[in-house]
Amino acid sequence: YDGSESCVDRIGHCVSESVCNRHLIPVLEACMADHCDSERCRREIQQFYGGMPQQSAEMLVMCKCDSSDQSCLLMKSSLQSGACGVETRICQERLTQCVQDSNCR
């Protein structure tokens, strides 16, 4: 992956790859549902990134969206924030949160 693809493109690649897709489905079920459970969503995201090959995980973590592409931003937020689309957190906030959590650290 050359870094030029948007999150939408990269998620599309993930869906088309059997291993990535198998790990992605529980995330989508937990995080995109109408009655999303933030704790379950966060847990599924951790399992998703923990179970993926490093290159695939990096491909999704480092994806970008145009600021005007709301559907892309929603997908990125869903895959990274674990907040069921109600809030977003940037990487630095996540890092700080992880450092403060002994299980994450």
N, C-alpha and C. Protein backbone atom coordinates (compact mmCIF):
# COMPACT_ATOMS: atom_id res chain seq x y z
N TYR A 1 0.84 -1.18 0.00
CA TYR A 1 0.00 0.00 0.00
C TYR A 1 0.87 1.23 0.00
N ASP A 2 0.56 2.15 -0.88
CA ASP A 2 1.45 3.29 -1.08
C ASP A 2 1.07 4.52 -0.25
N GLY A 3 0.03 4.46 0.54
CA GLY A 3 -0.35 5.57 1.39
C GLY A 3 -1.25 6.58 0.73
N SER A 4 -1.57 6.40 -0.55
CA SER A 4 -2.39 7.38 -1.25
C SER A 4 -3.88 7.05 -1.19
N GLU A 5 -4.23 5.88 -0.71
CA GLU A 5 -5.64 5.48 -0.69
C GLU A 5 -6.35 6.04 0.54
N SER A 6 -7.62 6.33 0.36
CA SER A 6 -8.42 6.83 1.48
C SER A 6 -8.81 5.66 2.37
N CYS A 7 -9.38 5.99 3.52
CA CYS A 7 -9.87 4.94 4.44
C CYS A 7 -10.92 4.08 3.75
N VAL A 8 -11.76 4.69 2.94
CA VAL A 8 -12.79 3.92 2.23
C VAL A 8 -12.14 2.86 1.35
N ASP A 9 -11.09 3.25 0.61
CA ASP A 9 -10.38 2.31 -0.25
C ASP A 9 -9.72 1.20 0.57
N ARG A 10 -9.10 1.58 1.65
CA ARG A 10 -8.39 0.60 2.47
C ARG A 10 -9.35 -0.36 3.16
N ILE A 11 -10.47 0.14 3.62
CA ILE A 11 -11.47 -0.75 4.22
C ILE A 11 -12.02 -1.68 3.15
N GLY A 12 -12.16 -1.18 1.94
CA GLY A 12 -12.57 -2.03 0.82
C GLY A 12 -11.59 -3.16 0.58
N HIS A 13 -10.30 -2.87 0.68
CA HIS A 13 -9.28 -3.92 0.56
C HIS A 13 -9.43 -4.93 1.68
N CYS A 14 -9.69 -4.43 2.87
CA CYS A 14 -9.85 -5.32 4.02
C CYS A 14 -11.03 -6.25 3.82
N VAL A 15 -12.14 -5.71 3.36
CA VAL A 15 -13.33 -6.52 3.13
C VAL A 15 -13.07 -7.61 2.09
N SER A 16 -12.24 -7.31 1.10
CA SER A 16 -11.98 -8.28 0.04
C SER A 16 -10.94 -9.34 0.42
N GLU A 17 -10.23 -9.13 1.51
CA GLU A 17 -9.25 -10.10 1.98
C GLU A 17 -9.89 -10.94 3.09
N SER A 18 -9.84 -12.25 2.94
CA SER A 18 -10.58 -13.13 3.85
C SER A 18 -10.16 -12.97 5.31
N VAL A 19 -8.88 -12.88 5.60
CA VAL A 19 -8.42 -12.77 7.00
C VAL A 19 -8.87 -11.45 7.59
N CYS A 20 -8.64 -10.37 6.88
CA CYS A 20 -9.01 -9.05 7.37
C CYS A 20 -10.53 -8.96 7.54
N ASN A 21 -11.27 -9.46 6.57
CA ASN A 21 -12.72 -9.41 6.63
C ASN A 21 -13.25 -10.18 7.83
N ARG A 22 -12.68 -11.35 8.09
CA ARG A 22 -13.12 -12.16 9.23
C ARG A 22 -12.93 -11.41 10.56
N HIS A 23 -11.87 -10.63 10.67
CA HIS A 23 -11.63 -9.85 11.88
C HIS A 23 -12.46 -8.57 11.91
N LEU A 24 -12.80 -8.05 10.72
CA LEU A 24 -13.53 -6.78 10.64
C LEU A 24 -15.01 -6.93 10.98
N ILE A 25 -15.61 -8.04 10.63
CA ILE A 25 -17.05 -8.22 10.83
C ILE A 25 -17.48 -7.99 12.28
N PRO A 26 -16.80 -8.57 13.30
CA PRO A 26 -17.22 -8.31 14.68
C PRO A 26 -17.11 -6.83 15.07
N VAL A 27 -16.15 -6.12 14.50
CA VAL A 27 -16.01 -4.68 14.78
C VAL A 27 -17.21 -3.93 14.22
N LEU A 28 -17.55 -4.23 12.98
CA LEU A 28 -18.69 -3.55 12.38
C LEU A 28 -19.99 -3.87 13.12
N GLU A 29 -20.15 -5.12 13.52
CA GLU A 29 -21.35 -5.50 14.27
C GLU A 29 -21.43 -4.79 15.61
N ALA A 30 -20.29 -4.62 16.27
CA ALA A 30 -20.28 -3.99 17.59
C ALA A 30 -20.33 -2.48 17.54
N CYS A 31 -19.69 -1.89 16.54
CA CYS A 31 -19.49 -0.44 16.53
C CYS A 31 -20.44 0.32 15.62
N MET A 32 -21.05 -0.34 14.67
CA MET A 32 -21.91 0.36 13.73
C MET A 32 -23.39 0.09 14.00
N ALA A 33 -23.69 -0.66 15.03
CA ALA A 33 -25.08 -1.01 15.33
C ALA A 33 -25.84 0.20 15.87
N ASP A 34 -27.16 0.15 15.72
CA ASP A 34 -28.00 1.23 16.25
C ASP A 34 -27.86 1.35 17.77
N HIS A 35 -27.74 0.21 18.43
CA HIS A 35 -27.61 0.19 19.90
C HIS A 35 -26.19 -0.23 20.25
N CYS A 36 -25.25 0.61 19.89
CA CYS A 36 -23.84 0.30 20.06
C CYS A 36 -23.45 0.33 21.53
N ASP A 37 -22.67 -0.65 21.93
CA ASP A 37 -22.13 -0.74 23.28
C ASP A 37 -20.66 -0.33 23.20
N SER A 38 -20.33 0.83 23.75
CA SER A 38 -18.97 1.36 23.62
C SER A 38 -17.92 0.40 24.15
N GLU A 39 -18.19 -0.25 25.27
CA GLU A 39 -17.22 -1.18 25.84
C GLU A 39 -16.96 -2.35 24.90
N ARG A 40 -18.03 -2.93 24.37
CA ARG A 40 -17.88 -4.04 23.41
C ARG A 40 -17.18 -3.56 22.15
N CYS A 41 -17.51 -2.38 21.70
CA CYS A 41 -16.89 -1.81 20.51
C CYS A 41 -15.38 -1.67 20.72
N ARG A 42 -14.98 -1.10 21.84
CA ARG A 42 -13.55 -0.95 22.14
C ARG A 42 -12.85 -2.31 22.20
N ARG A 43 -13.50 -3.28 22.83
CA ARG A 43 -12.92 -4.62 22.95
C ARG A 43 -12.73 -5.25 21.56
N GLU A 44 -13.73 -5.12 20.70
CA GLU A 44 -13.64 -5.68 19.35
C GLU A 44 -12.54 -4.99 18.53
N ILE A 45 -12.40 -3.69 18.71
CA ILE A 45 -11.35 -2.96 17.99
C ILE A 45 -9.98 -3.44 18.46
N GLN A 46 -9.80 -3.62 19.77
CA GLN A 46 -8.53 -4.11 20.28
C GLN A 46 -8.22 -5.50 19.72
N GLN A 47 -9.23 -6.37 19.69
CA GLN A 47 -9.03 -7.70 19.15
C GLN A 47 -8.73 -7.64 17.65
N PHE A 48 -9.41 -6.75 16.96
CA PHE A 48 -9.19 -6.59 15.53
C PHE A 48 -7.73 -6.23 15.24
N TYR A 49 -7.25 -5.15 15.85
CA TYR A 49 -5.88 -4.72 15.58
C TYR A 49 -4.86 -5.69 16.16
N GLY A 50 -5.17 -6.35 17.26
CA GLY A 50 -4.26 -7.32 17.84
C GLY A 50 -4.15 -8.60 17.02
N GLY A 51 -5.20 -8.95 16.28
CA GLY A 51 -5.21 -10.18 15.50
C GLY A 51 -4.78 -10.01 14.06
N MET A 52 -4.60 -8.79 13.64
CA MET A 52 -4.25 -8.52 12.24
C MET A 52 -2.74 -8.55 12.04
N PRO A 53 -2.30 -8.95 10.85
CA PRO A 53 -0.88 -8.77 10.54
C PRO A 53 -0.53 -7.28 10.64
N GLN A 54 0.68 -6.99 11.07
CA GLN A 54 1.06 -5.60 11.33
C GLN A 54 0.86 -4.70 10.11
N GLN A 55 1.22 -5.17 8.93
CA GLN A 55 1.08 -4.33 7.74
C GLN A 55 -0.38 -3.97 7.48
N SER A 56 -1.28 -4.93 7.68
CA SER A 56 -2.71 -4.66 7.46
C SER A 56 -3.24 -3.69 8.50
N ALA A 57 -2.84 -3.87 9.75
CA ALA A 57 -3.29 -2.97 10.81
C ALA A 57 -2.79 -1.55 10.55
N GLU A 58 -1.53 -1.42 10.17
CA GLU A 58 -0.98 -0.09 9.88
C GLU A 58 -1.69 0.56 8.71
N MET A 59 -2.05 -0.24 7.71
CA MET A 59 -2.75 0.28 6.54
C MET A 59 -4.05 0.98 6.97
N LEU A 60 -4.74 0.41 7.95
CA LEU A 60 -6.01 0.98 8.39
C LEU A 60 -5.81 2.11 9.40
N VAL A 61 -4.84 1.97 10.29
CA VAL A 61 -4.60 3.01 11.29
C VAL A 61 -4.14 4.30 10.63
N MET A 62 -3.35 4.20 9.60
CA MET A 62 -2.76 5.38 8.97
C MET A 62 -3.58 5.91 7.80
N CYS A 63 -4.78 5.42 7.60
CA CYS A 63 -5.57 5.89 6.47
C CYS A 63 -6.02 7.34 6.68
N LYS A 64 -6.35 7.99 5.57
CA LYS A 64 -6.73 9.40 5.62
C LYS A 64 -8.06 9.62 4.92
N CYS A 65 -8.72 10.68 5.32
CA CYS A 65 -9.98 11.09 4.70
C CYS A 65 -9.91 12.57 4.37
N ASP A 66 -10.56 12.96 3.29
CA ASP A 66 -10.74 14.39 3.03
C ASP A 66 -11.67 14.93 4.10
N SER A 67 -11.43 16.13 4.55
CA SER A 67 -12.25 16.70 5.61
C SER A 67 -13.72 16.84 5.21
N SER A 68 -14.00 16.84 3.91
CA SER A 68 -15.39 16.98 3.45
C SER A 68 -16.09 15.63 3.26
N ASP A 69 -15.35 14.53 3.39
CA ASP A 69 -15.92 13.19 3.16
C ASP A 69 -16.42 12.62 4.48
N GLN A 70 -17.66 12.92 4.81
CA GLN A 70 -18.23 12.52 6.10
C GLN A 70 -18.33 11.00 6.26
N SER A 71 -18.64 10.27 5.19
CA SER A 71 -18.75 8.81 5.32
C SER A 71 -17.38 8.21 5.60
N CYS A 72 -16.35 8.73 5.00
CA CYS A 72 -14.99 8.26 5.27
C CYS A 72 -14.60 8.57 6.71
N LEU A 73 -14.88 9.78 7.15
CA LEU A 73 -14.55 10.16 8.53
C LEU A 73 -15.29 9.29 9.54
N LEU A 74 -16.55 8.95 9.25
CA LEU A 74 -17.31 8.08 10.14
C LEU A 74 -16.69 6.69 10.20
N MET A 75 -16.29 6.15 9.05
CA MET A 75 -15.66 4.82 9.03
C MET A 75 -14.34 4.84 9.81
N LYS A 76 -13.55 5.87 9.59
CA LYS A 76 -12.27 5.97 10.29
C LYS A 76 -12.49 6.07 11.79
N SER A 77 -13.43 6.88 12.19
CA SER A 77 -13.74 7.02 13.60
C SER A 77 -14.21 5.70 14.19
N SER A 78 -15.03 4.99 13.47
CA SER A 78 -15.55 3.71 13.95
C SER A 78 -14.43 2.69 14.14
N LEU A 79 -13.44 2.72 13.28
CA LEU A 79 -12.35 1.75 13.38
C LEU A 79 -11.28 2.16 14.38
N GLN A 80 -11.30 3.39 14.82
CA GLN A 80 -10.23 3.84 15.68
C GLN A 80 -10.66 4.34 17.05
N SER A 81 -11.84 4.91 17.15
CA SER A 81 -12.19 5.53 18.43
C SER A 81 -12.84 4.58 19.40
N GLY A 82 -13.58 3.60 18.91
CA GLY A 82 -14.29 2.70 19.80
C GLY A 82 -15.40 3.41 20.55
N ALA A 83 -15.90 4.50 19.99
CA ALA A 83 -16.87 5.32 20.68
C ALA A 83 -18.23 5.30 20.00
N CYS A 84 -18.48 4.34 19.16
CA CYS A 84 -19.79 4.18 18.52
C CYS A 84 -20.22 5.40 17.73
N GLY A 85 -19.29 6.14 17.19
CA GLY A 85 -19.61 7.26 16.33
C GLY A 85 -20.06 8.51 17.05
N VAL A 86 -20.14 8.49 18.39
CA VAL A 86 -20.61 9.67 19.11
C VAL A 86 -19.48 10.62 19.47
N GLU A 87 -18.26 10.13 19.43
CA GLU A 87 -17.14 11.00 19.72
C GLU A 87 -15.94 10.47 18.95
N THR A 88 -15.00 11.32 18.72
CA THR A 88 -13.77 10.87 18.07
C THR A 88 -12.60 11.27 18.94
N ARG A 89 -11.55 10.49 18.83
CA ARG A 89 -10.33 10.81 19.57
C ARG A 89 -9.17 10.72 18.62
N ILE A 90 -8.26 11.63 18.77
CA ILE A 90 -7.08 11.58 17.93
C ILE A 90 -6.06 10.63 18.56
N CYS A 91 -5.09 10.24 17.78
CA CYS A 91 -4.12 9.23 18.21
C CYS A 91 -3.42 9.62 19.51
N GLN A 92 -3.06 10.89 19.66
CA GLN A 92 -2.36 11.32 20.86
C GLN A 92 -3.21 11.12 22.11
N GLU A 93 -4.52 11.36 21.99
CA GLU A 93 -5.41 11.15 23.13
C GLU A 93 -5.47 9.67 23.48
N ARG A 94 -5.53 8.83 22.47
CA ARG A 94 -5.55 7.38 22.70
C ARG A 94 -4.26 6.92 23.37
N LEU A 95 -3.13 7.46 22.93
CA LEU A 95 -1.84 7.09 23.50
C LEU A 95 -1.80 7.47 24.98
N THR A 96 -2.23 8.67 25.29
CA THR A 96 -2.26 9.12 26.68
C THR A 96 -3.16 8.22 27.52
N GLN A 97 -4.32 7.89 26.99
CA GLN A 97 -5.25 7.01 27.69
C GLN A 97 -4.62 5.64 27.92
N CYS A 98 -3.93 5.10 26.94
CA CYS A 98 -3.30 3.79 27.05
C CYS A 98 -2.20 3.81 28.10
N VAL A 99 -1.38 4.84 28.10
CA VAL A 99 -0.29 4.93 29.06
C VAL A 99 -0.83 4.96 30.49
N GLN A 100 -1.98 5.57 30.68
CA GLN A 100 -2.59 5.67 32.00
C GLN A 100 -3.29 4.39 32.44
N ASP A 101 -3.58 3.50 31.50
CA ASP A 101 -4.28 2.23 31.79
C ASP A 101 -3.24 1.12 31.90
N SER A 102 -3.12 0.50 33.07
CA SER A 102 -2.08 -0.51 33.26
C SER A 102 -2.27 -1.72 32.35
N ASN A 103 -3.48 -2.09 32.02
CA ASN A 103 -3.71 -3.21 31.11
C ASN A 103 -3.25 -2.89 29.70
N CYS A 104 -3.50 -1.68 29.26
CA CYS A 104 -3.09 -1.26 27.92
C CYS A 104 -1.58 -1.06 27.84
N ARG A 105 -1.03 -0.42 28.88
CA ARG A 105 0.39 -0.11 28.90
C ARG A 105 1.20 -1.38 28.83
